C-alpha atoms as a PDB file:
ATOM      1  CA  MET A   1     172.010 -39.509   5.817  1.00  0.00           C
ATOM      2  CA  ARG A   2     174.141 -43.512   6.214  1.00  0.00           C
ATOM      3  CA  LEU A   3     177.673 -42.027   4.753  1.00  0.00           C
ATOM      4  CA  ILE A   4     176.867 -39.089   8.058  1.00  0.00           C
ATOM      5  CA  ARG A   5     176.197 -41.844  11.054  1.00  0.00           C
ATOM      6  CA  HIS A   6     178.953 -44.324   9.542  1.00  0.00           C
ATOM      7  CA  LEU A   7     181.475 -40.789   9.201  1.00  0.00           C
ATOM      8  CA  PHE A   8     180.707 -40.055  13.412  1.00  0.00           C
ATOM      9  CA  ALA A   9     180.348 -43.779  15.646  1.00  0.00           C
ATOM     10  CA  SER A  10     183.038 -44.262  17.238  1.00  0.00           C
ATOM     11  CA  ALA A  11     182.751 -48.124  19.414  1.00  0.00           C
ATOM     12  CA  LYS A  12     184.738 -46.973  22.012  1.00  0.00           C
ATOM     13  CA  ARG A  13     183.791 -44.848  23.309  1.00  0.00           C
ATOM     14  CA  HIS A  14     180.261 -47.056  23.897  1.00  0.00           C
ATOM     15  CA  PHE A  15     182.357 -49.460  24.597  1.00  0.00           C
ATOM     16  CA  PRO A  16     184.743 -48.082  27.148  1.00  0.00           C
ATOM     17  CA  PRO A  17     188.299 -50.381  28.872  1.00  0.00           C
ATOM     18  CA  ALA A  18     185.635 -51.066  31.892  1.00  0.00           C
ATOM     19  CA  ARG A  19     182.522 -52.054  29.814  1.00  0.00           C
ATOM     20  CA  LEU A  20     184.767 -54.411  27.720  1.00  0.00           C
ATOM     21  CA  ASP A  21     186.604 -55.986  31.292  1.00  0.00           C
ATOM     22  CA  ALA A  22     182.792 -56.942  32.090  1.00  0.00           C
ATOM     23  CA  ILE A  23     181.849 -58.864  28.609  1.00  0.00           C
ATOM     24  CA  GLN A  24     185.383 -60.654  28.471  1.00  0.00           C
ATOM     25  CA  HIS A  25     183.843 -61.439  31.977  1.00  0.00           C
ATOM     26  CA  ALA A  26     180.846 -62.647  30.526  1.00  0.00           C
ATOM     27  CA  ILE A  27     182.154 -64.339  27.389  1.00  0.00           C
ATOM     28  CA  ALA A  28     184.221 -66.847  30.197  1.00  0.00           C
ATOM     29  CA  ALA A  29     181.765 -67.502  32.541  1.00  0.00           C
ATOM     30  CA  SER A  30     178.986 -68.277  29.657  1.00  0.00           C
ATOM     31  CA  GLU A  31     182.180 -71.390  28.289  1.00  0.00           C
ATOM     32  CA  HIS A  32     182.006 -73.018  31.241  1.00  0.00           C
ATOM     33  CA  ARG A  33     178.374 -74.231  30.721  1.00  0.00           C
ATOM     34  CA  HIS A  34     178.415 -75.823  27.426  1.00  0.00           C
ATOM     35  CA  HIS A  35     181.006 -76.149  24.241  1.00  0.00           C
ATOM     36  CA  GLY A  36     179.857 -72.872  21.972  1.00  0.00           C
ATOM     37  CA  GLU A  37     182.696 -70.235  21.887  1.00  0.00           C
ATOM     38  CA  ILE A  38     181.540 -66.918  22.078  1.00  0.00           C
ATOM     39  CA  VAL A  39     183.158 -64.251  20.139  1.00  0.00           C
ATOM     40  CA  PHE A  40     181.695 -60.274  20.696  1.00  0.00           C
ATOM     41  CA  ALA A  41     183.015 -57.771  18.265  1.00  0.00           C
ATOM     42  CA  VAL A  42     182.676 -54.433  17.748  1.00  0.00           C
ATOM     43  CA  GLU A  43     182.373 -51.818  14.345  1.00  0.00           C
ATOM     44  CA  GLY A  44     182.257 -48.062  15.307  1.00  0.00           C
ATOM     45  CA  SER A  45     181.350 -47.355  11.202  1.00  0.00           C
ATOM     46  CA  LEU A  46     182.267 -49.245   7.772  1.00  0.00           C
ATOM     47  CA  PRO A  47     184.904 -47.753   5.352  1.00  0.00           C
ATOM     48  CA  PHE A  48     183.599 -44.739   3.060  1.00  0.00           C
ATOM     49  CA  THR A  49     183.803 -47.332   0.208  1.00  0.00           C
ATOM     50  CA  HIS A  50     181.923 -50.443   2.139  1.00  0.00           C
ATOM     51  CA  VAL A  51     179.342 -47.640   2.745  1.00  0.00           C
ATOM     52  CA  VAL A  52     178.933 -45.808  -0.655  1.00  0.00           C
ATOM     53  CA  ARG A  53     178.583 -49.417  -2.587  1.00  0.00           C
ATOM     54  CA  GLY A  54     175.814 -50.300   0.197  1.00  0.00           C
ATOM     55  CA  ARG A  55     177.281 -53.196   2.247  1.00  0.00           C
ATOM     56  CA  SER A  56     175.427 -55.126   4.957  1.00  0.00           C
ATOM     57  CA  ALA A  57     175.369 -55.933   8.189  1.00  0.00           C
ATOM     58  CA  ARG A  58     175.321 -59.349   7.822  1.00  0.00           C
ATOM     59  CA  ASP A  59     178.131 -59.047   5.202  1.00  0.00           C
ATOM     60  CA  ARG A  60     180.558 -57.737   6.678  1.00  0.00           C
ATOM     61  CA  ALA A  61     179.513 -59.683   9.803  1.00  0.00           C
ATOM     62  CA  GLU A  62     180.650 -62.902   7.856  1.00  0.00           C
ATOM     63  CA  GLU A  63     184.119 -60.894   7.275  1.00  0.00           C
ATOM     64  CA  VAL A  64     184.144 -60.874  10.080  1.00  0.00           C
ATOM     65  CA  PHE A  65     183.994 -63.829  11.154  1.00  0.00           C
ATOM     66  CA  ALA A  66     186.319 -65.427   8.614  1.00  0.00           C
ATOM     67  CA  ARG A  67     188.639 -62.541   9.959  1.00  0.00           C
ATOM     68  CA  LEU A  68     188.672 -63.195  13.422  1.00  0.00           C
ATOM     69  CA  ARG A  69     188.781 -67.148  13.098  1.00  0.00           C
ATOM     70  CA  VAL A  70     186.219 -67.951  14.779  1.00  0.00           C
ATOM     71  CA  TRP A  71     184.498 -70.946  12.832  1.00  0.00           C
ATOM     72  CA  ASN A  72     188.296 -72.524  13.876  1.00  0.00           C
ATOM     73  CA  THR A  73     187.208 -74.292  17.045  1.00  0.00           C
ATOM     74  CA  GLU A  74     187.271 -78.273  17.114  1.00  0.00           C
ATOM     75  CA  ARG A  75     183.525 -78.676  17.089  1.00  0.00           C
ATOM     76  CA  ASN A  76     183.406 -76.187  15.126  1.00  0.00           C
ATOM     77  CA  THR A  77     180.570 -74.293  17.668  1.00  0.00           C
ATOM     78  CA  GLY A  78     181.679 -70.187  17.337  1.00  0.00           C
ATOM     79  CA  VAL A  79     179.675 -67.902  17.793  1.00  0.00           C
ATOM     80  CA  LEU A  80     180.534 -64.742  16.667  1.00  0.00           C
ATOM     81  CA  ILE A  81     178.171 -60.915  17.967  1.00  0.00           C
ATOM     82  CA  TYR A  82     178.586 -58.207  16.241  1.00  0.00           C
ATOM     83  CA  LEU A  83     177.347 -55.351  16.534  1.00  0.00           C
ATOM     84  CA  LEU A  84     177.930 -52.417  13.538  1.00  0.00           C
ATOM     85  CA  LEU A  85     176.951 -48.630  15.987  1.00  0.00           C
ATOM     86  CA  ALA A  86     176.293 -46.644  12.911  1.00  0.00           C
ATOM     87  CA  ASP A  87     173.352 -48.841  11.130  1.00  0.00           C
ATOM     88  CA  HIS A  88     172.084 -49.651  14.732  1.00  0.00           C
ATOM     89  CA  ALA A  89     172.569 -53.639  13.167  1.00  0.00           C
ATOM     90  CA  ILE A  90     173.499 -56.573  15.508  1.00  0.00           C
ATOM     91  CA  GLU A  91     173.749 -59.772  13.571  1.00  0.00           C
ATOM     92  CA  ILE A  92     174.353 -63.063  15.146  1.00  0.00           C
ATOM     93  CA  VAL A  93     177.638 -65.599  13.443  1.00  0.00           C
ATOM     94  CA  ALA A  94     176.795 -68.973  13.645  1.00  0.00           C
ATOM     95  CA  ASP A  95     179.639 -71.580  13.041  1.00  0.00           C
ATOM     96  CA  ARG A  96     178.533 -74.805  10.817  1.00  0.00           C
ATOM     97  CA  GLY A  97     178.085 -77.385  14.328  1.00  0.00           C
ATOM     98  CA  VAL A  98     176.534 -74.379  15.905  1.00  0.00           C
ATOM     99  CA  ALA A  99     174.027 -73.580  13.085  1.00  0.00           C
ATOM    100  CA  LYS A 100     172.727 -77.811  12.326  1.00  0.00           C
ATOM    101  CA  GLU A 101     171.858 -76.876  16.395  1.00  0.00           C
ATOM    102  CA  ILE A 102     169.662 -73.833  16.385  1.00  0.00           C
ATOM    103  CA  PRO A 103     167.555 -72.345  13.325  1.00  0.00           C
ATOM    104  CA  GLU A 104     168.576 -68.837  12.184  1.00  0.00           C
ATOM    105  CA  HIS A 105     164.701 -67.339  13.453  1.00  0.00           C
ATOM    106  CA  GLU A 106     166.138 -68.745  17.551  1.00  0.00           C
ATOM    107  CA  TRP A 107     169.382 -65.822  17.251  1.00  0.00           C
ATOM    108  CA  VAL A 108     166.062 -63.023  16.501  1.00  0.00           C
ATOM    109  CA  PRO A 109     164.885 -62.576  19.807  1.00  0.00           C
ATOM    110  CA  VAL A 110     168.488 -62.269  21.062  1.00  0.00           C
ATOM    111  CA  CYS A 111     169.314 -59.552  18.428  1.00  0.00           C
ATOM    112  CA  ALA A 112     166.410 -58.064  19.789  1.00  0.00           C
ATOM    113  CA  LEU A 113     166.487 -57.998  23.653  1.00  0.00           C
ATOM    114  CA  MET A 114     169.636 -56.327  22.989  1.00  0.00           C
ATOM    115  CA  GLN A 115     168.346 -53.794  20.674  1.00  0.00           C
ATOM    116  CA  ASP A 116     166.113 -52.923  23.122  1.00  0.00           C
ATOM    117  CA  TYR A 117     168.766 -51.538  25.855  1.00  0.00           C
ATOM    118  CA  PHE A 118     171.267 -50.509  23.055  1.00  0.00           C
ATOM    119  CA  ARG A 119     167.749 -48.025  22.222  1.00  0.00           C
ATOM    120  CA  LYS A 120     168.365 -47.128  25.642  1.00  0.00           C
ATOM    121  CA  ALA A 121     172.858 -46.648  25.736  1.00  0.00           C
ATOM    122  CA  ASP A 122     172.298 -48.818  28.099  1.00  0.00           C
ATOM    123  CA  TYR A 123     174.714 -50.871  26.088  1.00  0.00           C
ATOM    124  CA  GLU A 124     176.431 -52.573  28.885  1.00  0.00           C
ATOM    125  CA  HIS A 125     173.724 -54.190  30.116  1.00  0.00           C
ATOM    126  CA  GLY A 126     172.674 -55.416  25.948  1.00  0.00           C
ATOM    127  CA  ALA A 127     175.903 -56.792  25.989  1.00  0.00           C
ATOM    128  CA  LEU A 128     175.585 -58.481  28.592  1.00  0.00           C
ATOM    129  CA  GLU A 129     172.022 -59.838  27.845  1.00  0.00           C
ATOM    130  CA  GLY A 130     172.795 -61.003  24.645  1.00  0.00           C
ATOM    131  CA  VAL A 131     176.589 -63.043  25.904  1.00  0.00           C
ATOM    132  CA  ALA A 132     174.204 -64.593  28.503  1.00  0.00           C
ATOM    133  CA  ALA A 133     171.358 -65.641  25.913  1.00  0.00           C
ATOM    134  CA  VAL A 134     173.222 -66.212  23.146  1.00  0.00           C
ATOM    135  CA  GLY A 135     175.225 -69.258  26.193  1.00  0.00           C
ATOM    136  CA  GLU A 136     171.565 -70.104  27.620  1.00  0.00           C
ATOM    137  CA  LEU A 137     170.923 -71.151  23.545  1.00  0.00           C
ATOM    138  CA  LEU A 138     174.215 -73.396  23.758  1.00  0.00           C
ATOM    139  CA  ALA A 139     174.373 -74.985  26.950  1.00  0.00           C
ATOM    140  CA  ARG A 140     170.924 -76.098  26.039  1.00  0.00           C
ATOM    141  CA  HIS A 141     172.232 -77.488  22.179  1.00  0.00           C
ATOM    142  CA  PHE A 142     176.258 -78.234  23.460  1.00  0.00           C
ATOM    143  CA  PRO A 143     176.205 -78.147  27.256  1.00  0.00           C
ATOM    144  CA  ALA A 144     179.995 -78.730  29.245  1.00  0.00           C
ATOM    145  CA  ASP A 145     178.247 -82.437  30.813  1.00  0.00           C
ATOM    146  CA  GLY A 146     180.724 -81.542  32.681  1.00  0.00           C
ATOM    147  CA  GLU A 147     183.391 -81.705  30.509  1.00  0.00           C
ATOM    148  CA  ARG A 148     186.482 -79.152  30.433  1.00  0.00           C
ATOM    149  CA  ASN A 149     185.489 -76.395  27.401  1.00  0.00           C
ATOM    150  CA  PRO A 150     189.332 -75.933  26.105  1.00  0.00           C
ATOM    151  CA  ASP A 151     188.936 -71.964  25.712  1.00  0.00           C
ATOM    152  CA  GLU A 152     190.060 -71.653  21.970  1.00  0.00           C
ATOM    153  CA  LEU A 153     189.608 -68.078  21.297  1.00  0.00           C
ATOM    154  CA  PRO A 154     190.007 -65.299  22.664  1.00  0.00           C
ATOM    155  CA  ASP A 155     186.724 -63.616  25.741  1.00  0.00           C
ATOM    156  CA  ARG A 156     188.416 -60.147  25.282  1.00  0.00           C
ATOM    157  CA  PRO A 157     186.158 -57.840  22.913  1.00  0.00           C
ATOM    158  CA  VAL A 158     187.274 -57.033  19.465  1.00  0.00           C
ATOM    159  CA  LEU A 159     186.744 -53.596  18.883  1.00  0.00           C
ATOM    160  CA  LEU A 160     186.944 -52.934  14.958  1.00  0.00           C
END
């Protein structure tokens, strides 16, 4: 069944350019409030070999985190929001600076919030609410305090 889902899932169908624009603007606005860097990545499906080998969404998210260089920020405050549509999976991977301050269990409600919207096929609100919730956690633990947050990573969502 998983293999069939991965054959037909499409990121572009659920995340057209206008939706990507809205997410990009939300990320940019959020980053004015904290010293974190948010990266939003969407993958429709995994390659065939990954599915056959039983690769998990978490494993893939960690690979994408490295590939997109989310770890490469001055303060180690990068956060990846990763969606694997075929598996209905949402993973949040945080760099070591963030992980020291925000425990894993605090990301669970963010993923659940997004999942609630996605179940209703409301991908735009789910993504925007997810970005806002991640931004709130980052603002609480890494507030801007009037200091400029250099934009170290692209705000544009990535379709893999």
